[in-house]
C-alpha atoms as a PDB file:
ATOM      1  CA  MET A   1      28.203 203.225  -6.341  1.00  0.00           C
ATOM      2  CA  THR A   2      26.777 200.503  -8.578  1.00  0.00           C
ATOM      3  CA  ARG A   3      25.373 197.265  -7.254  1.00  0.00           C
ATOM      4  CA  THR A   4      28.049 195.381  -9.131  1.00  0.00           C
ATOM      5  CA  LEU A   5      30.835 197.247  -7.356  1.00  0.00           C
ATOM      6  CA  LEU A   6      29.152 196.881  -4.009  1.00  0.00           C
ATOM      7  CA  ALA A   7      28.639 193.172  -4.574  1.00  0.00           C
ATOM      8  CA  ALA A   8      32.338 192.793  -5.265  1.00  0.00           C
ATOM      9  CA  PHE A   9      32.998 193.604  -1.624  1.00  0.00           C
ATOM     10  CA  ALA A  10      30.528 191.170  -0.109  1.00  0.00           C
ATOM     11  CA  GLY A  11      31.792 188.063   1.555  1.00  0.00           C
ATOM     12  CA  LEU A  12      35.491 188.572   0.937  1.00  0.00           C
ATOM     13  CA  MET A  13      37.680 187.228   3.716  1.00  0.00           C
ATOM     14  CA  VAL A  14      41.278 188.145   4.490  1.00  0.00           C
ATOM     15  CA  ALA A  15      43.607 185.425   3.293  1.00  0.00           C
ATOM     16  CA  GLY A  16      46.743 184.238   5.061  1.00  0.00           C
ATOM     17  CA  MET A  17      49.620 186.708   5.146  1.00  0.00           C
ATOM     18  CA  PRO A  18      52.587 185.953   2.888  1.00  0.00           C
ATOM     19  CA  ALA A  19      56.134 186.630   3.953  1.00  0.00           C
ATOM     20  CA  PHE A  20      56.712 190.300   4.586  1.00  0.00           C
ATOM     21  CA  VAL A  21      59.431 192.088   2.651  1.00  0.00           C
ATOM     22  CA  GLY A  22      60.899 195.065   4.343  1.00  0.00           C
ATOM     23  CA  ALA A  23      57.890 197.004   5.590  1.00  0.00           C
ATOM     24  CA  PRO A  24      57.849 197.975   9.263  1.00  0.00           C
ATOM     25  CA  VAL A  25      56.161 195.776  11.827  1.00  0.00           C
ATOM     26  CA  HIS A  26      53.358 197.775  13.401  1.00  0.00           C
ATOM     27  CA  GLY A  27      53.420 195.813  16.621  1.00  0.00           C
ATOM     28  CA  ALA A  28      56.859 197.208  17.468  1.00  0.00           C
ATOM     29  CA  PRO A  29      57.375 200.956  17.894  1.00  0.00           C
ATOM     30  CA  ASP A  30      54.045 202.165  16.547  1.00  0.00           C
ATOM     31  CA  GLY A  31      51.907 199.886  18.662  1.00  0.00           C
ATOM     32  CA  ARG A  32      49.828 198.331  15.872  1.00  0.00           C
ATOM     33  CA  PRO A  33      49.493 194.544  15.697  1.00  0.00           C
ATOM     34  CA  GLU A  34      52.218 192.696  13.868  1.00  0.00           C
ATOM     35  CA  ARG A  35      51.415 192.242  10.196  1.00  0.00           C
ATOM     36  CA  ALA A  36      51.639 188.453  10.438  1.00  0.00           C
ATOM     37  CA  ALA A  37      48.895 188.532  13.065  1.00  0.00           C
ATOM     38  CA  LEU A  38      46.511 190.767  11.161  1.00  0.00           C
ATOM     39  CA  ARG A  39      42.881 189.786  10.790  1.00  0.00           C
ATOM     40  CA  THR A  40      42.505 186.366   9.173  1.00  0.00           C
ATOM     41  CA  ALA A  41      38.834 185.608   9.732  1.00  0.00           C
ATOM     42  CA  THR A  42      37.088 188.960   9.791  1.00  0.00           C
ATOM     43  CA  ASP A  43      35.120 190.333   6.869  1.00  0.00           C
ATOM     44  CA  VAL A  44      37.064 193.169   5.235  1.00  0.00           C
ATOM     45  CA  GLY A  45      35.147 192.979   2.037  1.00  0.00           C
ATOM     46  CA  ALA A  46      31.670 194.232   2.959  1.00  0.00           C
ATOM     47  CA  PRO A  47      30.456 197.216   0.955  1.00  0.00           C
ATOM     48  CA  PHE A  48      31.419 200.737   1.932  1.00  0.00           C
ATOM     49  CA  GLN A  49      28.637 202.032   4.192  1.00  0.00           C
ATOM     50  CA  GLY A  50      27.152 205.437   4.851  1.00  0.00           C
ATOM     51  CA  ALA A  51      25.125 207.822   2.754  1.00  0.00           C
ATOM     52  CA  GLN A  52      24.865 207.240  -0.962  1.00  0.00           C
ATOM     53  CA  SER A  53      28.201 208.098  -2.479  1.00  0.00           C
ATOM     54  CA  ARG A  54      28.534 211.247  -4.531  1.00  0.00           C
ATOM     55  CA  VAL A  55      31.411 209.681  -6.432  1.00  0.00           C
ATOM     56  CA  GLN A  56      30.827 209.372 -10.155  1.00  0.00           C
ATOM     57  CA  VAL A  57      32.151 205.971 -11.177  1.00  0.00           C
ATOM     58  CA  GLY A  58      32.880 206.288 -14.859  1.00  0.00           C
ATOM     59  CA  ALA A  59      35.325 204.710 -17.236  1.00  0.00           C
ATOM     60  CA  PRO A  60      38.621 204.140 -15.376  1.00  0.00           C
ATOM     61  CA  PHE A  61      42.130 204.776 -16.598  1.00  0.00           C
ATOM     62  CA  GLN A  62      41.592 207.736 -18.890  1.00  0.00           C
ATOM     63  CA  GLY A  63      43.957 210.517 -19.832  1.00  0.00           C
ATOM     64  CA  ALA A  64      47.705 210.886 -19.797  1.00  0.00           C
ATOM     65  CA  ARG A  65      50.177 209.390 -17.371  1.00  0.00           C
ATOM     66  CA  SER A  66      49.337 210.126 -13.756  1.00  0.00           C
ATOM     67  CA  ARG A  67      50.956 213.003 -11.912  1.00  0.00           C
ATOM     68  CA  VAL A  68      50.647 210.968  -8.706  1.00  0.00           C
ATOM     69  CA  GLN A  69      53.901 209.599  -7.280  1.00  0.00           C
ATOM     70  CA  VAL A  70      53.933 205.998  -6.056  1.00  0.00           C
ATOM     71  CA  GLY A  71      56.035 205.082  -3.025  1.00  0.00           C
ATOM     72  CA  TYR A  72      56.730 202.210  -0.660  1.00  0.00           C
ATOM     73  CA  CYS A  73      56.536 202.049   3.131  1.00  0.00           C
ATOM     74  CA  THR A  74      59.728 200.297   4.200  1.00  0.00           C
ATOM     75  CA  PRO A  75      62.726 200.669   6.544  1.00  0.00           C
ATOM     76  CA  LEU A  76      66.046 202.292   5.715  1.00  0.00           C
ATOM     77  CA  LYS A  77      67.651 198.955   4.853  1.00  0.00           C
ATOM     78  CA  ASN A  78      65.409 198.535   1.798  1.00  0.00           C
ATOM     79  CA  LEU A  79      66.109 201.819  -0.001  1.00  0.00           C
ATOM     80  CA  GLU A  80      68.211 200.163  -2.691  1.00  0.00           C
ATOM     81  CA  ALA A  81      65.583 197.491  -3.328  1.00  0.00           C
ATOM     82  CA  ALA A  82      62.789 200.066  -3.546  1.00  0.00           C
ATOM     83  CA  LYS A  83      64.744 202.116  -6.065  1.00  0.00           C
ATOM     84  CA  ALA A  84      65.593 199.062  -8.156  1.00  0.00           C
ATOM     85  CA  VAL A  85      61.936 198.089  -8.652  1.00  0.00           C
ATOM     86  CA  GLY A  86      60.882 201.571  -9.729  1.00  0.00           C
ATOM     87  CA  PHE A  87      59.225 203.339  -6.802  1.00  0.00           C
ATOM     88  CA  ASP A  88      59.266 207.145  -6.969  1.00  0.00           C
ATOM     89  CA  TYR A  89      60.080 207.481  -3.262  1.00  0.00           C
ATOM     90  CA  VAL A  90      60.234 205.613   0.033  1.00  0.00           C
ATOM     91  CA  GLU A  91      58.127 206.284   3.119  1.00  0.00           C
ATOM     92  CA  LEU A  92      60.361 205.695   6.126  1.00  0.00           C
ATOM     93  CA  GLY A  93      59.480 204.991   9.762  1.00  0.00           C
ATOM     94  CA  THR A  94      59.756 208.001  12.061  1.00  0.00           C
ATOM     95  CA  THR A  95      60.383 205.841  15.104  1.00  0.00           C
ATOM     96  CA  GLU A  96      63.301 204.140  13.364  1.00  0.00           C
ATOM     97  CA  ILE A  97      64.855 207.500  12.502  1.00  0.00           C
ATOM     98  CA  ALA A  98      64.260 208.977  15.959  1.00  0.00           C
ATOM     99  CA  ALA A  99      65.764 205.957  17.743  1.00  0.00           C
ATOM    100  CA  LEU A 100      69.139 206.123  15.954  1.00  0.00           C
ATOM    101  CA  SER A 101      72.201 207.436  17.732  1.00  0.00           C
ATOM    102  CA  ASP A 102      73.551 210.705  16.349  1.00  0.00           C
ATOM    103  CA  ALA A 103      76.371 208.858  14.614  1.00  0.00           C
ATOM    104  CA  ASP A 104      74.031 206.274  13.117  1.00  0.00           C
ATOM    105  CA  PHE A 105      71.642 208.963  11.950  1.00  0.00           C
ATOM    106  CA  ASP A 106      74.466 210.855  10.250  1.00  0.00           C
ATOM    107  CA  ALA A 107      75.466 207.642   8.482  1.00  0.00           C
ATOM    108  CA  ALA A 108      71.855 206.968   7.468  1.00  0.00           C
ATOM    109  CA  ALA A 109      71.481 210.488   6.080  1.00  0.00           C
ATOM    110  CA  ARG A 110      74.616 209.994   3.986  1.00  0.00           C
ATOM    111  CA  GLU A 111      73.294 206.673   2.702  1.00  0.00           C
ATOM    112  CA  VAL A 112      69.949 208.225   1.748  1.00  0.00           C
ATOM    113  CA  GLY A 113      71.837 210.883  -0.191  1.00  0.00           C
ATOM    114  CA  ARG A 114      74.064 208.305  -1.884  1.00  0.00           C
ATOM    115  CA  ILE A 115      71.165 206.151  -3.055  1.00  0.00           C
ATOM    116  CA  GLY A 116      69.294 209.156  -4.370  1.00  0.00           C
ATOM    117  CA  LEU A 117      65.748 207.911  -3.847  1.00  0.00           C
ATOM    118  CA  PRO A 118      63.591 210.688  -2.311  1.00  0.00           C
ATOM    119  CA  THR A 119      62.207 210.220   1.211  1.00  0.00           C
ATOM    120  CA  PRO A 120      59.440 212.853   1.340  1.00  0.00           C
ATOM    121  CA  VAL A 121      57.109 210.978   3.700  1.00  0.00           C
ATOM    122  CA  SER A 122      57.422 209.085   6.968  1.00  0.00           C
ATOM    123  CA  ASN A 123      54.983 207.014   9.009  1.00  0.00           C
ATOM    124  CA  LEU A 124      55.140 205.181  12.365  1.00  0.00           C
ATOM    125  CA  PHE A 125      55.172 208.589  14.042  1.00  0.00           C
ATOM    126  CA  LEU A 126      55.067 207.826  17.784  1.00  0.00           C
ATOM    127  CA  PRO A 127      56.258 204.845  19.820  1.00  0.00           C
ATOM    128  CA  ALA A 128      53.436 203.060  21.614  1.00  0.00           C
ATOM    129  CA  THR A 129      54.919 204.071  24.960  1.00  0.00           C
ATOM    130  CA  LEU A 130      54.530 207.789  24.229  1.00  0.00           C
ATOM    131  CA  LYS A 131      50.878 208.192  25.151  1.00  0.00           C
ATOM    132  CA  VAL A 132      48.800 211.022  23.727  1.00  0.00           C
ATOM    133  CA  THR A 133      45.533 209.999  25.402  1.00  0.00           C
ATOM    134  CA  GLY A 134      44.707 208.907  28.922  1.00  0.00           C
ATOM    135  CA  PRO A 135      45.723 209.935  32.443  1.00  0.00           C
ATOM    136  CA  ASP A 136      49.460 209.357  32.002  1.00  0.00           C
ATOM    137  CA  ILE A 137      50.340 211.703  29.143  1.00  0.00           C
ATOM    138  CA  ASP A 138      53.516 213.762  29.511  1.00  0.00           C
ATOM    139  CA  ARG A 139      53.397 216.904  27.365  1.00  0.00           C
ATOM    140  CA  ASP A 140      57.072 217.701  27.887  1.00  0.00           C
ATOM    141  CA  GLN A 141      58.101 214.215  26.810  1.00  0.00           C
ATOM    142  CA  GLN A 142      55.837 214.463  23.771  1.00  0.00           C
ATOM    143  CA  LEU A 143      57.372 217.771  22.734  1.00  0.00           C
ATOM    144  CA  ALA A 144      60.945 216.548  23.241  1.00  0.00           C
ATOM    145  CA  TYR A 145      60.385 213.494  21.056  1.00  0.00           C
ATOM    146  CA  VAL A 146      58.515 215.369  18.323  1.00  0.00           C
ATOM    147  CA  THR A 147      61.136 218.139  18.218  1.00  0.00           C
ATOM    148  CA  LYS A 148      63.956 215.611  17.773  1.00  0.00           C
ATOM    149  CA  ALA A 149      62.004 213.625  15.179  1.00  0.00           C
ATOM    150  CA  PHE A 150      61.033 216.677  13.121  1.00  0.00           C
ATOM    151  CA  GLY A 151      64.616 217.947  13.070  1.00  0.00           C
ATOM    152  CA  ARG A 152      65.932 214.658  11.724  1.00  0.00           C
ATOM    153  CA  LEU A 153      63.085 214.179   9.254  1.00  0.00           C
ATOM    154  CA  GLN A 154      63.568 217.666   7.838  1.00  0.00           C
ATOM    155  CA  ARG A 155      67.214 216.826   7.190  1.00  0.00           C
ATOM    156  CA  LEU A 156      66.083 213.771   5.176  1.00  0.00           C
ATOM    157  CA  GLY A 157      63.692 215.842   3.097  1.00  0.00           C
ATOM    158  CA  VAL A 158      60.503 214.585   4.746  1.00  0.00           C
ATOM    159  CA  GLY A 159      57.589 216.960   4.270  1.00  0.00           C
ATOM    160  CA  THR A 160      54.662 214.751   5.358  1.00  0.00           C
ATOM    161  CA  VAL A 161      54.540 212.752   8.595  1.00  0.00           C
ATOM    162  CA  VAL A 162      51.763 210.166   8.857  1.00  0.00           C
ATOM    163  CA  PHE A 163      50.265 210.038  12.351  1.00  0.00           C
ATOM    164  CA  GLY A 164      48.822 206.563  12.792  1.00  0.00           C
ATOM    165  CA  SER A 165      50.421 205.407  16.034  1.00  0.00           C
ATOM    166  CA  GLY A 166      47.511 203.293  17.214  1.00  0.00           C
ATOM    167  CA  GLY A 167      49.201 202.273  20.446  1.00  0.00           C
ATOM    168  CA  ALA A 168      50.124 205.824  21.415  1.00  0.00           C
ATOM    169  CA  ARG A 169      46.621 207.158  20.861  1.00  0.00           C
ATOM    170  CA  ARG A 170      44.644 204.160  22.178  1.00  0.00           C
ATOM    171  CA  VAL A 171      42.197 205.312  24.848  1.00  0.00           C
ATOM    172  CA  PRO A 172      42.672 203.419  28.133  1.00  0.00           C
ATOM    173  CA  ASP A 173      39.734 201.399  29.421  1.00  0.00           C
ATOM    174  CA  GLY A 174      37.454 203.540  31.542  1.00  0.00           C
ATOM    175  CA  PHE A 175      38.892 206.836  30.290  1.00  0.00           C
ATOM    176  CA  SER A 176      36.518 209.386  28.796  1.00  0.00           C
ATOM    177  CA  ARG A 177      36.535 209.259  24.997  1.00  0.00           C
ATOM    178  CA  ASP A 178      35.490 212.913  24.874  1.00  0.00           C
ATOM    179  CA  GLU A 179      38.482 213.824  27.003  1.00  0.00           C
ATOM    180  CA  ALA A 180      40.723 211.631  24.856  1.00  0.00           C
ATOM    181  CA  PHE A 181      39.539 213.478  21.750  1.00  0.00           C
ATOM    182  CA  ARG A 182      40.275 216.806  23.461  1.00  0.00           C
ATOM    183  CA  GLN A 183      43.764 215.510  24.253  1.00  0.00           C
ATOM    184  CA  LEU A 184      44.306 214.659  20.586  1.00  0.00           C
ATOM    185  CA  VAL A 185      43.133 218.123  19.604  1.00  0.00           C
ATOM    186  CA  ASP A 186      45.528 219.649  22.120  1.00  0.00           C
ATOM    187  CA  PHE A 187      48.377 217.487  20.809  1.00  0.00           C
ATOM    188  CA  GLY A 188      47.606 218.559  17.258  1.00  0.00           C
ATOM    189  CA  LYS A 189      47.489 222.219  18.202  1.00  0.00           C
ATOM    190  CA  ARG A 190      50.869 221.946  19.936  1.00  0.00           C
ATOM    191  CA  ILE A 191      52.705 220.044  17.193  1.00  0.00           C
ATOM    192  CA  GLY A 192      51.135 221.814  14.198  1.00  0.00           C
ATOM    193  CA  PRO A 193      53.172 225.026  14.558  1.00  0.00           C
ATOM    194  CA  LEU A 194      56.318 222.997  15.299  1.00  0.00           C
ATOM    195  CA  ALA A 195      55.736 220.945  12.152  1.00  0.00           C
ATOM    196  CA  ARG A 196      55.392 224.096  10.060  1.00  0.00           C
ATOM    197  CA  GLN A 197      58.664 225.422  11.473  1.00  0.00           C
ATOM    198  CA  HIS A 198      60.317 222.328   9.973  1.00  0.00           C
ATOM    199  CA  ASP A 199      58.420 222.530   6.652  1.00  0.00           C
ATOM    200  CA  ILE A 200      56.442 219.438   7.664  1.00  0.00           C
ATOM    201  CA  THR A 201      52.743 218.614   7.601  1.00  0.00           C
ATOM    202  CA  VAL A 202      51.428 215.995  10.027  1.00  0.00           C
ATOM    203  CA  ALA A 203      48.695 213.881   8.397  1.00  0.00           C
ATOM    204  CA  VAL A 204      46.503 211.950  10.832  1.00  0.00           C
ATOM    205  CA  GLU A 205      45.711 208.408   9.693  1.00  0.00           C
ATOM    206  CA  PRO A 206      42.349 206.871  10.610  1.00  0.00           C
ATOM    207  CA  LEU A 207      42.966 203.243  11.640  1.00  0.00           C
ATOM    208  CA  ARG A 208      40.604 200.284  11.780  1.00  0.00           C
ATOM    209  CA  ARG A 209      39.215 199.360  15.167  1.00  0.00           C
ATOM    210  CA  GLU A 210      41.497 196.338  15.481  1.00  0.00           C
ATOM    211  CA  GLU A 211      44.475 198.717  15.671  1.00  0.00           C
ATOM    212  CA  THR A 212      43.160 201.508  17.876  1.00  0.00           C
ATOM    213  CA  ASN A 213      39.922 202.688  19.452  1.00  0.00           C
ATOM    214  CA  ILE A 214      39.768 206.347  18.444  1.00  0.00           C
ATOM    215  CA  VAL A 215      39.708 208.062  15.030  1.00  0.00           C
ATOM    216  CA  ASN A 216      38.780 204.910  13.144  1.00  0.00           C
ATOM    217  CA  SER A 217      37.100 206.478  10.121  1.00  0.00           C
ATOM    218  CA  ALA A 218      38.137 209.165   7.677  1.00  0.00           C
ATOM    219  CA  GLY A 219      35.105 211.142   8.824  1.00  0.00           C
ATOM    220  CA  GLU A 220      36.429 211.091  12.384  1.00  0.00           C
ATOM    221  CA  GLY A 221      39.878 212.016  11.133  1.00  0.00           C
ATOM    222  CA  LEU A 222      38.404 214.971   9.280  1.00  0.00           C
ATOM    223  CA  ALA A 223      36.601 216.081  12.451  1.00  0.00           C
ATOM    224  CA  LEU A 224      39.927 215.992  14.330  1.00  0.00           C
ATOM    225  CA  VAL A 225      41.674 218.018  11.634  1.00  0.00           C
ATOM    226  CA  GLU A 226      38.906 220.605  11.661  1.00  0.00           C
ATOM    227  CA  ALA A 227      39.050 220.834  15.459  1.00  0.00           C
ATOM    228  CA  VAL A 228      42.835 221.318  15.444  1.00  0.00           C
ATOM    229  CA  ALA A 229      42.473 223.971  12.728  1.00  0.00           C
ATOM    230  CA  ASP A 230      46.180 224.272  11.952  1.00  0.00           C
ATOM    231  CA  PRO A 231      47.660 224.026   8.434  1.00  0.00           C
ATOM    232  CA  GLY A 232      50.425 221.855   9.863  1.00  0.00           C
ATOM    233  CA  PHE A 233      47.917 219.167  10.898  1.00  0.00           C
ATOM    234  CA  GLN A 234      45.973 217.552   8.060  1.00  0.00           C
ATOM    235  CA  LEU A 235      44.493 214.211   6.911  1.00  0.00           C
ATOM    236  CA  MET A 236      45.607 211.100   5.058  1.00  0.00           C
ATOM    237  CA  ILE A 237      43.501 208.100   4.038  1.00  0.00           C
ATOM    238  CA  ASP A 238      44.589 204.469   3.884  1.00  0.00           C
ATOM    239  CA  PHE A 239      42.431 202.383   1.545  1.00  0.00           C
ATOM    240  CA  TYR A 240      42.965 199.272   3.681  1.00  0.00           C
ATOM    241  CA  HIS A 241      41.448 200.966   6.723  1.00  0.00           C
ATOM    242  CA  LEU A 242      38.712 202.651   4.677  1.00  0.00           C
ATOM    243  CA  ALA A 243      37.602 199.260   3.357  1.00  0.00           C
ATOM    244  CA  SER A 244      38.016 197.558   6.735  1.00  0.00           C
ATOM    245  CA  GLU A 245      35.690 200.112   8.314  1.00  0.00           C
ATOM    246  CA  HIS A 246      33.251 199.854   5.366  1.00  0.00           C
ATOM    247  CA  GLU A 247      33.418 203.609   4.863  1.00  0.00           C
ATOM    248  CA  ASP A 248      31.971 205.260   1.777  1.00  0.00           C
ATOM    249  CA  PRO A 249      34.859 206.535  -0.375  1.00  0.00           C
ATOM    250  CA  GLY A 250      32.743 209.612  -1.020  1.00  0.00           C
ATOM    251  CA  ILE A 251      34.367 210.977   2.154  1.00  0.00           C
ATOM    252  CA  ILE A 252      37.340 211.754  -0.092  1.00  0.00           C
ATOM    253  CA  VAL A 253      35.300 214.426  -1.856  1.00  0.00           C
ATOM    254  CA  ARG A 254      34.336 216.055   1.435  1.00  0.00           C
ATOM    255  CA  ALA A 255      37.898 215.813   2.773  1.00  0.00           C
ATOM    256  CA  ARG A 256      39.493 217.266  -0.354  1.00  0.00           C
ATOM    257  CA  PRO A 257      40.741 220.535   1.242  1.00  0.00           C
ATOM    258  CA  HIS A 258      42.616 218.572   3.924  1.00  0.00           C
ATOM    259  CA  LEU A 259      43.723 215.392   2.124  1.00  0.00           C
ATOM    260  CA  ARG A 260      47.523 215.282   1.950  1.00  0.00           C
ATOM    261  CA  HIS A 261      48.519 211.640   1.455  1.00  0.00           C
ATOM    262  CA  LEU A 262      47.322 208.079   0.757  1.00  0.00           C
ATOM    263  CA  HIS A 263      48.208 204.489   1.568  1.00  0.00           C
ATOM    264  CA  ILE A 264      46.962 201.418  -0.254  1.00  0.00           C
ATOM    265  CA  ALA A 265      46.965 197.635   0.071  1.00  0.00           C
ATOM    266  CA  ASN A 266      44.711 194.899  -1.236  1.00  0.00           C
ATOM    267  CA  PRO A 267      42.461 194.261   1.787  1.00  0.00           C
ATOM    268  CA  GLN A 268      42.442 190.537   0.969  1.00  0.00           C
ATOM    269  CA  GLY A 269      45.583 189.741   2.945  1.00  0.00           C
ATOM    270  CA  ARG A 270      46.956 193.293   3.108  1.00  0.00           C
ATOM    271  CA  VAL A 271      49.173 192.517   0.143  1.00  0.00           C
ATOM    272  CA  PHE A 272      50.370 194.536  -2.842  1.00  0.00           C
ATOM    273  CA  PRO A 273      47.578 195.641  -5.193  1.00  0.00           C
ATOM    274  CA  ARG A 274      48.252 194.021  -8.560  1.00  0.00           C
ATOM    275  CA  ALA A 275      45.067 194.140 -10.669  1.00  0.00           C
ATOM    276  CA  LEU A 276      41.936 196.261 -10.764  1.00  0.00           C
ATOM    277  CA  ASP A 277      39.612 193.261 -10.746  1.00  0.00           C
ATOM    278  CA  GLU A 278      41.110 191.632  -7.632  1.00  0.00           C
ATOM    279  CA  PHE A 279      39.110 193.971  -5.370  1.00  0.00           C
ATOM    280  CA  ALA A 280      36.522 196.753  -5.741  1.00  0.00           C
ATOM    281  CA  TYR A 281      39.060 199.583  -5.885  1.00  0.00           C
ATOM    282  CA  GLU A 282      37.256 201.658  -8.491  1.00  0.00           C
ATOM    283  CA  PRO A 283      35.010 203.786  -6.204  1.00  0.00           C
ATOM    284  CA  PHE A 284      38.161 204.831  -4.331  1.00  0.00           C
ATOM    285  CA  PHE A 285      40.058 205.658  -7.514  1.00  0.00           C
ATOM    286  CA  ALA A 286      37.023 207.419  -8.974  1.00  0.00           C
ATOM    287  CA  ALA A 287      36.756 209.679  -5.923  1.00  0.00           C
ATOM    288  CA  LEU A 288      40.429 210.587  -6.233  1.00  0.00           C
ATOM    289  CA  ARG A 289      40.089 211.355  -9.920  1.00  0.00           C
ATOM    290  CA  GLN A 290      36.984 213.417  -9.160  1.00  0.00           C
ATOM    291  CA  ILE A 291      38.946 215.731  -6.848  1.00  0.00           C
ATOM    292  CA  GLY A 292      41.983 215.803  -9.131  1.00  0.00           C
ATOM    293  CA  TYR A 293      44.256 214.191  -6.549  1.00  0.00           C
ATOM    294  CA  ASP A 294      47.872 214.742  -7.632  1.00  0.00           C
ATOM    295  CA  ARG A 295      50.002 214.072  -4.560  1.00  0.00           C
ATOM    296  CA  ARG A 296      51.465 210.741  -3.394  1.00  0.00           C
ATOM    297  CA  ILE A 297      50.226 207.243  -2.661  1.00  0.00           C
ATOM    298  CA  SER A 298      52.346 204.727  -0.741  1.00  0.00           C
ATOM    299  CA  VAL A 299      52.005 200.977  -0.925  1.00  0.00           C
ATOM    300  CA  GLU A 300      51.853 199.786   2.686  1.00  0.00           C
ATOM    301  CA  ALA A 301      51.543 196.058   2.193  1.00  0.00           C
ATOM    302  CA  SER A 302      53.247 192.691   2.327  1.00  0.00           C
ATOM    303  CA  THR A 303      54.785 190.751  -0.529  1.00  0.00           C
ATOM    304  CA  SER A 304      56.667 187.517  -0.973  1.00  0.00           C
ATOM    305  CA  ASP A 305      58.141 188.739  -4.260  1.00  0.00           C
ATOM    306  CA  LEU A 306      58.939 192.445  -4.363  1.00  0.00           C
ATOM    307  CA  GLN A 307      60.533 192.300  -7.813  1.00  0.00           C
ATOM    308  CA  ALA A 308      57.382 190.806  -9.333  1.00  0.00           C
ATOM    309  CA  ASP A 309      54.707 192.641  -7.337  1.00  0.00           C
ATOM    310  CA  ALA A 310      56.123 196.169  -7.213  1.00  0.00           C
ATOM    311  CA  PRO A 311      56.093 196.884 -10.979  1.00  0.00           C
ATOM    312  CA  ARG A 312      52.502 195.642 -11.216  1.00  0.00           C
ATOM    313  CA  ALA A 313      51.370 197.787  -8.284  1.00  0.00           C
ATOM    314  CA  ILE A 314      53.164 200.864  -9.618  1.00  0.00           C
ATOM    315  CA  ALA A 315      51.657 200.433 -13.082  1.00  0.00           C
ATOM    316  CA  LEU A 316      48.175 199.902 -11.657  1.00  0.00           C
ATOM    317  CA  LEU A 317      48.294 203.009  -9.498  1.00  0.00           C
ATOM    318  CA  ARG A 318      49.810 205.249 -12.158  1.00  0.00           C
ATOM    319  CA  ARG A 319      47.136 204.140 -14.601  1.00  0.00           C
ATOM    320  CA  ALA A 320      44.254 204.403 -12.131  1.00  0.00           C
ATOM    321  CA  LEU A 321      45.139 207.911 -10.971  1.00  0.00           C
END
């Protein structure tokens, strides 16, 4: 990583959050803080830390049009809007889908089919009340929820389920972190085969420390995936969290065999990415180009003007990857 790129991170502060258009509020079912209350005075822009990156940062934006699909994390109500601005797919909220009555889910499935925009990914996997670490976990309750959710998601064509769920996996004060990690491994081993039965891959999402207190880096996420050792339980990386935790994007190269999905936002305000020079994205993009990443990347960010910001974000990501 060049000094110039590293310097681009230094001293950046998260700006105020603009009005949010359609994306789920993490403080509700998934247990993350509400987007409007996200960090406003904490440095997100410090350089990625760790060993010297193996990423070769060369000339960006080379070659033909990207094979990567660009999607948008948003609720069911915004499918039409997401299609109108040009997204390839929408990433829905699992908790929203799971909470619907049978009749409402049937209606939602018909609406998804009518609109015709693919829904191959979901996030917001577990409600915050469904604990997967700590002394009060209920394995039967976990399995019942996951079974219902996977059945509905499969019907919608979802093949990748992002497992962030910071509230559900937060380790209670005083509880052993080693035991909590073993509980996460056990959870992964139990849901991995069930996911595969529904043609689904669960992709664990490392989250910044403000949103949970376990699996905060992509390196820790990779360790969890390797401990679970099930093809139905893999890894995703969110650029916002990677930058927030100052993690070297070279982890992408090491995680290549397990990397199944990506999220992105401009860490300065967690808004739509709109230009390469607004933040030091290039080491991240360079790592993805180095491994030949050709899957999906979802914009998980706020905007006050979806019609203006979405085309710019889509064009940036298609060009960069």
